[in-house]
Structures are given as C-alpha cells and as structure tokens.
Amino acid sequence: MNLILEIGYEQLLQLFRQLPPKQKKQFLKEIEKEVIESDINTNLVQEPAPDYPRMDLKSAAALLIDDYQQDGELTTFTALDAEPFHETR
C-alpha cells in the first residue's frame, strides 16, 4: 500500500521541527542517502548521441563564417580579438 501526501515545503519543515533530535538526525541521514542515490542515477543517464556527424573545427568554422562576419551579436567584440587574453604584464 502506498500513501501519497501532498504537502508543501513549509508544512514539511514544520513537521521536521516537531521531531525529537534523534529522529531529526535519522531523517537527515535518509535524505542525504536519497540525494546521493538520485545524483548517481541522474549521472548514469547518458545523453543521446547527436544525429549529425562530428566535424573538425575548420569545417565547422567554414559553415559559420557568414554568421560571424555579419551577425551583430557575434561581431560586437571582434575588436578585442587581437588583445592578449592570458598574457600577464
């Protein structure tokens, strides 16, 4: 038998505060365990492979050259291209 309670965050927090210290600790351990398992399961789900072939950077750049030359949002900072980025003085 499954019982599903629909309560909000504030209500859950109020119930948690009513627990004795020992049960609070046990509750927090169980929650931590759930979070870790959830993270592990989420990371196990692999992203689907793209439906397009991988291409080298030169080919990709050739396809996008018109956008980079004409799109105002992409060309705004091209004046900074000649600036040394990682160099220290």
PDB file of N, CA and C in Angstrom:
ATOM      1  N   MET A   1       0.844  -1.179   0.000  1.00  0.00           N
ATOM      2  CA  MET A   1       0.000   0.000   0.000  1.00  0.00           C
ATOM      3  C   MET A   1       0.888   1.242   0.000  1.00  0.00           C
ATOM      4  N   ASN A   2       0.605   2.153  -0.875  1.00  0.00           N
ATOM      5  CA  ASN A   2       1.353   3.408  -0.944  1.00  0.00           C
ATOM      6  C   ASN A   2       0.458   4.553  -0.499  1.00  0.00           C
ATOM      7  N   LEU A   3       1.025   5.416   0.288  1.00  0.00           N
ATOM      8  CA  LEU A   3       0.316   6.602   0.749  1.00  0.00           C
ATOM      9  C   LEU A   3       1.052   7.815   0.219  1.00  0.00           C
ATOM     10  N   ILE A   4       0.368   8.638  -0.509  1.00  0.00           N
ATOM     11  CA  ILE A   4       0.989   9.832  -1.073  1.00  0.00           C
ATOM     12  C   ILE A   4       0.389  11.051  -0.384  1.00  0.00           C
ATOM     13  N   LEU A   5       1.257  11.812   0.252  1.00  0.00           N
ATOM     14  CA  LEU A   5       0.825  13.044   0.911  1.00  0.00           C
ATOM     15  C   LEU A   5       1.280  14.234   0.075  1.00  0.00           C
ATOM     16  N   GLU A   6       0.392  15.118  -0.178  1.00  0.00           N
ATOM     17  CA  GLU A   6       0.754  16.327  -0.903  1.00  0.00           C
ATOM     18  C   GLU A   6       0.817  17.477   0.097  1.00  0.00           C
ATOM     19  N   ILE A   7       2.052  17.755   0.533  1.00  0.00           N
ATOM     20  CA  ILE A   7       2.252  18.859   1.465  1.00  0.00           C
ATOM     21  C   ILE A   7       3.330  19.759   0.896  1.00  0.00           C
ATOM     22  N   GLY A   8       3.290  20.994   1.282  1.00  0.00           N
ATOM     23  CA  GLY A   8       4.265  21.956   0.809  1.00  0.00           C
ATOM     24  C   GLY A   8       5.540  21.934   1.633  1.00  0.00           C
ATOM     25  N   TYR A   9       6.506  22.670   1.150  1.00  0.00           N
ATOM     26  CA  TYR A   9       7.819  22.745   1.806  1.00  0.00           C
ATOM     27  C   TYR A   9       7.687  23.252   3.239  1.00  0.00           C
ATOM     28  N   GLU A  10       6.935  24.308   3.427  1.00  0.00           N
ATOM     29  CA  GLU A  10       6.781  24.889   4.769  1.00  0.00           C
ATOM     30  C   GLU A  10       6.139  23.895   5.729  1.00  0.00           C
ATOM     31  N   GLN A  11       5.144  23.153   5.252  1.00  0.00           N
ATOM     32  CA  GLN A  11       4.488  22.167   6.099  1.00  0.00           C
ATOM     33  C   GLN A  11       5.457  21.049   6.469  1.00  0.00           C
ATOM     34  N   LEU A  12       6.255  20.616   5.502  1.00  0.00           N
ATOM     35  CA  LEU A  12       7.249  19.580   5.769  1.00  0.00           C
ATOM     36  C   LEU A  12       8.279  20.065   6.785  1.00  0.00           C
ATOM     37  N   LEU A  13       8.688  21.299   6.636  1.00  0.00           N
ATOM     38  CA  LEU A  13       9.649  21.876   7.570  1.00  0.00           C
ATOM     39  C   LEU A  13       9.071  21.950   8.981  1.00  0.00           C
ATOM     40  N   GLN A  14       7.813  22.321   9.089  1.00  0.00           N
ATOM     41  CA  GLN A  14       7.166  22.371  10.402  1.00  0.00           C
ATOM     42  C   GLN A  14       7.113  20.987  11.038  1.00  0.00           C
ATOM     43  N   LEU A  15       6.796  19.974  10.250  1.00  0.00           N
ATOM     44  CA  LEU A  15       6.763  18.608  10.774  1.00  0.00           C
ATOM     45  C   LEU A  15       8.156  18.160  11.213  1.00  0.00           C
ATOM     46  N   PHE A  16       9.165  18.509  10.431  1.00  0.00           N
ATOM     47  CA  PHE A  16      10.539  18.160  10.779  1.00  0.00           C
ATOM     48  C   PHE A  16      10.930  18.784  12.112  1.00  0.00           C
ATOM     49  N   ARG A  17      10.555  20.029  12.313  1.00  0.00           N
ATOM     50  CA  ARG A  17      10.902  20.730  13.555  1.00  0.00           C
ATOM     51  C   ARG A  17      10.259  20.097  14.782  1.00  0.00           C
ATOM     52  N   GLN A  18       9.174  19.375  14.587  1.00  0.00           N
ATOM     53  CA  GLN A  18       8.483  18.737  15.711  1.00  0.00           C
ATOM     54  C   GLN A  18       9.133  17.412  16.114  1.00  0.00           C
ATOM     55  N   LEU A  19      10.013  16.894  15.290  1.00  0.00           N
ATOM     56  CA  LEU A  19      10.654  15.621  15.606  1.00  0.00           C
ATOM     57  C   LEU A  19      11.647  15.782  16.750  1.00  0.00           C
ATOM     58  N   PRO A  20      11.828  14.733  17.536  1.00  0.00           N
ATOM     59  CA  PRO A  20      12.882  14.765  18.553  1.00  0.00           C
ATOM     60  C   PRO A  20      14.252  14.729  17.868  1.00  0.00           C
ATOM     61  N   PRO A  21      15.291  15.216  18.540  1.00  0.00           N
ATOM     62  CA  PRO A  21      16.622  15.314  17.927  1.00  0.00           C
ATOM     63  C   PRO A  21      17.119  14.016  17.275  1.00  0.00           C
ATOM     64  N   LYS A  22      16.896  12.878  17.930  1.00  0.00           N
ATOM     65  CA  LYS A  22      17.362  11.606  17.378  1.00  0.00           C
ATOM     66  C   LYS A  22      16.686  11.294  16.035  1.00  0.00           C
ATOM     67  N   GLN A  23      15.405  11.558  15.950  1.00  0.00           N
ATOM     68  CA  GLN A  23      14.684  11.310  14.704  1.00  0.00           C
ATOM     69  C   GLN A  23      15.066  12.326  13.629  1.00  0.00           C
ATOM     70  N   LYS A  24      15.380  13.547  14.053  1.00  0.00           N
ATOM     71  CA  LYS A  24      15.854  14.541  13.084  1.00  0.00           C
ATOM     72  C   LYS A  24      17.132  14.062  12.414  1.00  0.00           C
ATOM     73  N   LYS A  25      18.058  13.555  13.224  1.00  0.00           N
ATOM     74  CA  LYS A  25      19.332  13.053  12.683  1.00  0.00           C
ATOM     75  C   LYS A  25      19.086  11.899  11.719  1.00  0.00           C
ATOM     76  N   GLN A  26      18.203  10.984  12.108  1.00  0.00           N
ATOM     77  CA  GLN A  26      17.904   9.844  11.246  1.00  0.00           C
ATOM     78  C   GLN A  26      17.261  10.320   9.946  1.00  0.00           C
ATOM     79  N   PHE A  27      16.369  11.261  10.050  1.00  0.00           N
ATOM     80  CA  PHE A  27      15.700  11.817   8.870  1.00  0.00           C
ATOM     81  C   PHE A  27      16.721  12.439   7.916  1.00  0.00           C
ATOM     82  N   LEU A  28      17.649  13.223   8.479  1.00  0.00           N
ATOM     83  CA  LEU A  28      18.664  13.871   7.649  1.00  0.00           C
ATOM     84  C   LEU A  28      19.572  12.843   6.972  1.00  0.00           C
ATOM     85  N   LYS A  29      19.884  11.749   7.666  1.00  0.00           N
ATOM     86  CA  LYS A  29      20.684  10.687   7.061  1.00  0.00           C
ATOM     87  C   LYS A  29      19.940  10.063   5.880  1.00  0.00           C
ATOM     88  N   GLU A  30      18.659   9.823   6.067  1.00  0.00           N
ATOM     89  CA  GLU A  30      17.850   9.231   4.989  1.00  0.00           C
ATOM     90  C   GLU A  30      17.749  10.182   3.792  1.00  0.00           C
ATOM     91  N   ILE A  31      17.586  11.460   4.062  1.00  0.00           N
ATOM     92  CA  ILE A  31      17.507  12.442   2.981  1.00  0.00           C
ATOM     93  C   ILE A  31      18.830  12.502   2.233  1.00  0.00           C
ATOM     94  N   GLU A  32      19.943  12.501   2.963  1.00  0.00           N
ATOM     95  CA  GLU A  32      21.253  12.529   2.321  1.00  0.00           C
ATOM     96  C   GLU A  32      21.428  11.309   1.416  1.00  0.00           C
ATOM     97  N   LYS A  33      21.012  10.159   1.921  1.00  0.00           N
ATOM     98  CA  LYS A  33      21.099   8.924   1.146  1.00  0.00           C
ATOM     99  C   LYS A  33      20.264   9.039  -0.139  1.00  0.00           C
ATOM    100  N   GLU A  34      19.070   9.573  -0.019  1.00  0.00           N
ATOM    101  CA  GLU A  34      18.198   9.761  -1.189  1.00  0.00           C
ATOM    102  C   GLU A  34      18.834  10.692  -2.218  1.00  0.00           C
ATOM    103  N   VAL A  35      19.410  11.777  -1.745  1.00  0.00           N
ATOM    104  CA  VAL A  35      20.029  12.752  -2.649  1.00  0.00           C
ATOM    105  C   VAL A  35      21.199  12.125  -3.381  1.00  0.00           C
ATOM    106  N   ILE A  36      22.032  11.398  -2.660  1.00  0.00           N
ATOM    107  CA  ILE A  36      23.191  10.755  -3.278  1.00  0.00           C
ATOM    108  C   ILE A  36      22.733   9.740  -4.328  1.00  0.00           C
ATOM    109  N   GLU A  37      21.757   8.914  -3.989  1.00  0.00           N
ATOM    110  CA  GLU A  37      21.251   7.925  -4.943  1.00  0.00           C
ATOM    111  C   GLU A  37      20.632   8.602  -6.151  1.00  0.00           C
ATOM    112  N   SER A  38      19.922   9.683  -5.915  1.00  0.00           N
ATOM    113  CA  SER A  38      19.314  10.419  -7.021  1.00  0.00           C
ATOM    114  C   SER A  38      20.384  10.987  -7.947  1.00  0.00           C
ATOM    115  N   ASP A  39      21.449  11.557  -7.349  1.00  0.00           N
ATOM    116  CA  ASP A  39      22.551  12.094  -8.152  1.00  0.00           C
ATOM    117  C   ASP A  39      23.220  11.007  -8.962  1.00  0.00           C
ATOM    118  N   ILE A  40      23.435   9.844  -8.351  1.00  0.00           N
ATOM    119  CA  ILE A  40      24.072   8.731  -9.056  1.00  0.00           C
ATOM    120  C   ILE A  40      23.199   8.283 -10.215  1.00  0.00           C
ATOM    121  N   ASN A  41      21.917   8.144  -9.981  1.00  0.00           N
ATOM    122  CA  ASN A  41      21.008   7.706 -11.047  1.00  0.00           C
ATOM    123  C   ASN A  41      20.914   8.736 -12.157  1.00  0.00           C
ATOM    124  N   THR A  42      20.947  10.011 -11.797  1.00  0.00           N
ATOM    125  CA  THR A  42      20.893  11.062 -12.811  1.00  0.00           C
ATOM    126  C   THR A  42      22.140  11.036 -13.673  1.00  0.00           C
ATOM    127  N   ASN A  43      23.300  10.818 -13.051  1.00  0.00           N
ATOM    128  CA  ASN A  43      24.555  10.794 -13.801  1.00  0.00           C
ATOM    129  C   ASN A  43      24.686   9.552 -14.661  1.00  0.00           C
ATOM    130  N   LEU A  44      23.966   8.478 -14.329  1.00  0.00           N
ATOM    131  CA  LEU A  44      24.034   7.267 -15.125  1.00  0.00           C
ATOM    132  C   LEU A  44      23.280   7.403 -16.442  1.00  0.00           C
ATOM    133  N   VAL A  45      22.329   8.317 -16.478  1.00  0.00           N
ATOM    134  CA  VAL A  45      21.572   8.525 -17.704  1.00  0.00           C
ATOM    135  C   VAL A  45      22.484   9.216 -18.701  1.00  0.00           C
ATOM    136  N   GLN A  46      22.735   8.548 -19.803  1.00  0.00           N
ATOM    137  CA  GLN A  46      23.637   9.106 -20.790  1.00  0.00           C
ATOM    138  C   GLN A  46      22.850   9.938 -21.789  1.00  0.00           C
ATOM    139  N   GLU A  47      23.492  10.993 -22.230  1.00  0.00           N
ATOM    140  CA  GLU A  47      22.861  11.840 -23.224  1.00  0.00           C
ATOM    141  C   GLU A  47      22.858  11.125 -24.555  1.00  0.00           C
ATOM    142  N   PRO A  48      21.794  11.287 -25.331  1.00  0.00           N
ATOM    143  CA  PRO A  48      21.754  10.628 -26.629  1.00  0.00           C
ATOM    144  C   PRO A  48      22.834  11.185 -27.558  1.00  0.00           C
ATOM    145  N   ALA A  49      23.321  10.338 -28.417  1.00  0.00           N
ATOM    146  CA  ALA A  49      24.334  10.771 -29.375  1.00  0.00           C
ATOM    147  C   ALA A  49      23.694  11.742 -30.363  1.00  0.00           C
ATOM    148  N   PRO A  50      24.443  12.756 -30.794  1.00  0.00           N
ATOM    149  CA  PRO A  50      23.877  13.691 -31.761  1.00  0.00           C
ATOM    150  C   PRO A  50      23.554  12.972 -33.063  1.00  0.00           C
ATOM    151  N   ASP A  51      22.536  13.476 -33.770  1.00  0.00           N
ATOM    152  CA  ASP A  51      22.154  12.843 -35.017  1.00  0.00           C
ATOM    153  C   ASP A  51      22.901  13.437 -36.217  1.00  0.00           C
ATOM    154  N   TYR A  52      23.984  14.087 -35.958  1.00  0.00           N
ATOM    155  CA  TYR A  52      24.814  14.636 -37.020  1.00  0.00           C
ATOM    156  C   TYR A  52      26.250  14.176 -36.801  1.00  0.00           C
ATOM    157  N   PRO A  53      27.000  14.041 -37.865  1.00  0.00           N
ATOM    158  CA  PRO A  53      28.378  13.571 -37.694  1.00  0.00           C
ATOM    159  C   PRO A  53      29.247  14.659 -37.069  1.00  0.00           C
ATOM    160  N   ARG A  54      30.242  14.238 -36.311  1.00  0.00           N
ATOM    161  CA  ARG A  54      31.197  15.197 -35.749  1.00  0.00           C
ATOM    162  C   ARG A  54      32.048  15.725 -36.887  1.00  0.00           C
ATOM    163  N   MET A  55      32.396  16.975 -36.791  1.00  0.00           N
ATOM    164  CA  MET A  55      33.241  17.553 -37.823  1.00  0.00           C
ATOM    165  C   MET A  55      34.407  18.273 -37.189  1.00  0.00           C
ATOM    166  N   ASP A  56      35.433  18.457 -37.961  1.00  0.00           N
ATOM    167  CA  ASP A  56      36.591  19.151 -37.425  1.00  0.00           C
ATOM    168  C   ASP A  56      36.297  20.646 -37.321  1.00  0.00           C
ATOM    169  N   LEU A  57      37.088  21.342 -36.533  1.00  0.00           N
ATOM    170  CA  LEU A  57      36.847  22.768 -36.280  1.00  0.00           C
ATOM    171  C   LEU A  57      36.920  23.604 -37.552  1.00  0.00           C
ATOM    172  N   LYS A  58      37.812  23.246 -38.447  1.00  0.00           N
ATOM    173  CA  LYS A  58      37.957  24.016 -39.686  1.00  0.00           C
ATOM    174  C   LYS A  58      36.674  23.953 -40.506  1.00  0.00           C
ATOM    175  N   SER A  59      36.088  22.776 -40.616  1.00  0.00           N
ATOM    176  CA  SER A  59      34.836  22.630 -41.372  1.00  0.00           C
ATOM    177  C   SER A  59      33.694  23.373 -40.686  1.00  0.00           C
ATOM    178  N   ALA A  60      33.639  23.284 -39.366  1.00  0.00           N
ATOM    179  CA  ALA A  60      32.589  23.981 -38.618  1.00  0.00           C
ATOM    180  C   ALA A  60      32.729  25.487 -38.774  1.00  0.00           C
ATOM    181  N   ALA A  61      33.956  25.983 -38.705  1.00  0.00           N
ATOM    182  CA  ALA A  61      34.193  27.419 -38.865  1.00  0.00           C
ATOM    183  C   ALA A  61      33.795  27.880 -40.259  1.00  0.00           C
ATOM    184  N   ALA A  62      34.073  27.062 -41.253  1.00  0.00           N
ATOM    185  CA  ALA A  62      33.709  27.421 -42.630  1.00  0.00           C
ATOM    186  C   ALA A  62      32.199  27.552 -42.778  1.00  0.00           C
ATOM    187  N   LEU A  63      31.449  26.686 -42.083  1.00  0.00           N
ATOM    188  CA  LEU A  63      29.985  26.766 -42.149  1.00  0.00           C
ATOM    189  C   LEU A  63      29.441  28.007 -41.453  1.00  0.00           C
ATOM    190  N   LEU A  64      30.151  28.498 -40.458  1.00  0.00           N
ATOM    191  CA  LEU A  64      29.647  29.619 -39.656  1.00  0.00           C
ATOM    192  C   LEU A  64      30.269  30.968 -40.007  1.00  0.00           C
ATOM    193  N   ILE A  65      31.145  31.019 -41.002  1.00  0.00           N
ATOM    194  CA  ILE A  65      31.878  32.255 -41.291  1.00  0.00           C
ATOM    195  C   ILE A  65      30.941  33.427 -41.600  1.00  0.00           C
ATOM    196  N   ASP A  66      29.870  33.176 -42.365  1.00  0.00           N
ATOM    197  CA  ASP A  66      28.948  34.272 -42.693  1.00  0.00           C
ATOM    198  C   ASP A  66      28.287  34.836 -41.434  1.00  0.00           C
ATOM    199  N   ASP A  67      27.891  33.954 -40.509  1.00  0.00           N
ATOM    200  CA  ASP A  67      27.281  34.427 -39.260  1.00  0.00           C
ATOM    201  C   ASP A  67      28.251  35.299 -38.476  1.00  0.00           C
ATOM    202  N   TYR A  68      29.479  34.860 -38.361  1.00  0.00           N
ATOM    203  CA  TYR A  68      30.460  35.608 -37.576  1.00  0.00           C
ATOM    204  C   TYR A  68      30.869  36.915 -38.238  1.00  0.00           C
ATOM    205  N   GLN A  69      30.714  37.011 -39.537  1.00  0.00           N
ATOM    206  CA  GLN A  69      31.062  38.254 -40.219  1.00  0.00           C
ATOM    207  C   GLN A  69      29.907  39.243 -40.255  1.00  0.00           C
ATOM    208  N   GLN A  70      28.670  38.752 -40.180  1.00  0.00           N
ATOM    209  CA  GLN A  70      27.527  39.641 -40.395  1.00  0.00           C
ATOM    210  C   GLN A  70      26.593  39.785 -39.194  1.00  0.00           C
ATOM    211  N   ASP A  71      26.556  38.846 -38.301  1.00  0.00           N
ATOM    212  CA  ASP A  71      25.649  38.896 -37.158  1.00  0.00           C
ATOM    213  C   ASP A  71      26.187  39.862 -36.111  1.00  0.00           C
ATOM    214  N   GLY A  72      25.435  40.918 -35.841  1.00  0.00           N
ATOM    215  CA  GLY A  72      25.873  41.954 -34.909  1.00  0.00           C
ATOM    216  C   GLY A  72      26.178  41.446 -33.509  1.00  0.00           C
ATOM    217  N   GLU A  73      25.407  40.457 -33.048  1.00  0.00           N
ATOM    218  CA  GLU A  73      25.657  39.925 -31.709  1.00  0.00           C
ATOM    219  C   GLU A  73      26.970  39.154 -31.649  1.00  0.00           C
ATOM    220  N   LEU A  74      27.371  38.568 -32.755  1.00  0.00           N
ATOM    221  CA  LEU A  74      28.609  37.800 -32.768  1.00  0.00           C
ATOM    222  C   LEU A  74      29.826  38.649 -33.084  1.00  0.00           C
ATOM    223  N   THR A  75      29.608  39.793 -33.733  1.00  0.00           N
ATOM    224  CA  THR A  75      30.748  40.613 -34.145  1.00  0.00           C
ATOM    225  C   THR A  75      31.017  41.774 -33.209  1.00  0.00           C
ATOM    226  N   THR A  76      30.235  41.948 -32.187  1.00  0.00           N
ATOM    227  CA  THR A  76      30.389  43.075 -31.272  1.00  0.00           C
ATOM    228  C   THR A  76      31.788  43.167 -30.682  1.00  0.00           C
ATOM    229  N   PHE A  77      32.362  42.057 -30.297  1.00  0.00           N
ATOM    230  CA  PHE A  77      33.642  42.060 -29.597  1.00  0.00           C
ATOM    231  C   PHE A  77      34.825  41.653 -30.486  1.00  0.00           C
ATOM    232  N   THR A  78      34.636  41.658 -31.787  1.00  0.00           N
ATOM    233  CA  THR A  78      35.744  41.233 -32.650  1.00  0.00           C
ATOM    234  C   THR A  78      36.927  42.189 -32.555  1.00  0.00           C
ATOM    235  N   ALA A  79      36.696  43.409 -32.129  1.00  0.00           N
ATOM    236  CA  ALA A  79      37.809  44.348 -31.974  1.00  0.00           C
ATOM    237  C   ALA A  79      38.767  43.875 -30.887  1.00  0.00           C
ATOM    238  N   LEU A  80      38.283  43.061 -29.989  1.00  0.00           N
ATOM    239  CA  LEU A  80      39.117  42.547 -28.907  1.00  0.00           C
ATOM    240  C   LEU A  80      39.899  41.296 -29.301  1.00  0.00           C
ATOM    241  N   ASP A  81      39.656  40.772 -30.492  1.00  0.00           N
ATOM    242  CA  ASP A  81      40.328  39.537 -30.906  1.00  0.00           C
ATOM    243  C   ASP A  81      41.845  39.650 -30.884  1.00  0.00           C
ATOM    244  N   ALA A  82      42.361  40.813 -31.158  1.00  0.00           N
ATOM    245  CA  ALA A  82      43.812  40.990 -31.203  1.00  0.00           C
ATOM    246  C   ALA A  82      44.415  41.235 -29.824  1.00  0.00           C
ATOM    247  N   GLU A  83      43.567  41.448 -28.822  1.00  0.00           N
ATOM    248  CA  GLU A  83      44.053  41.709 -27.469  1.00  0.00           C
ATOM    249  C   GLU A  83      44.630  40.430 -26.859  1.00  0.00           C
ATOM    250  N   PRO A  84      45.754  40.534 -26.156  1.00  0.00           N
ATOM    251  CA  PRO A  84      46.286  39.350 -25.457  1.00  0.00           C
ATOM    252  C   PRO A  84      45.356  38.996 -24.298  1.00  0.00           C
ATOM    253  N   PHE A  85      44.881  37.782 -24.266  1.00  0.00           N
ATOM    254  CA  PHE A  85      43.897  37.405 -23.268  1.00  0.00           C
ATOM    255  C   PHE A  85      44.541  36.845 -21.999  1.00  0.00           C
ATOM    256  N   HIS A  86      45.450  35.940 -22.130  1.00  0.00           N
ATOM    257  CA  HIS A  86      46.027  35.294 -20.960  1.00  0.00           C
ATOM    258  C   HIS A  86      47.423  35.819 -20.608  1.00  0.00           C
ATOM    259  N   GLU A  87      47.859  36.797 -21.310  1.00  0.00           N
ATOM    260  CA  GLU A  87      49.196  37.294 -21.035  1.00  0.00           C
ATOM    261  C   GLU A  87      49.183  38.192 -19.802  1.00  0.00           C
ATOM    262  N   THR A  88      50.210  38.104 -19.022  1.00  0.00           N
ATOM    263  CA  THR A  88      50.344  38.980 -17.846  1.00  0.00           C
ATOM    264  C   THR A  88      51.479  39.953 -18.097  1.00  0.00           C
ATOM    265  N   ARG A  89      51.383  41.080 -17.486  1.00  0.00           N
ATOM    266  CA  ARG A  89      52.400  42.111 -17.699  1.00  0.00           C
ATOM    267  C   ARG A  89      53.386  42.126 -16.583  1.00  0.00           C
TER     268      ARG A  89
END
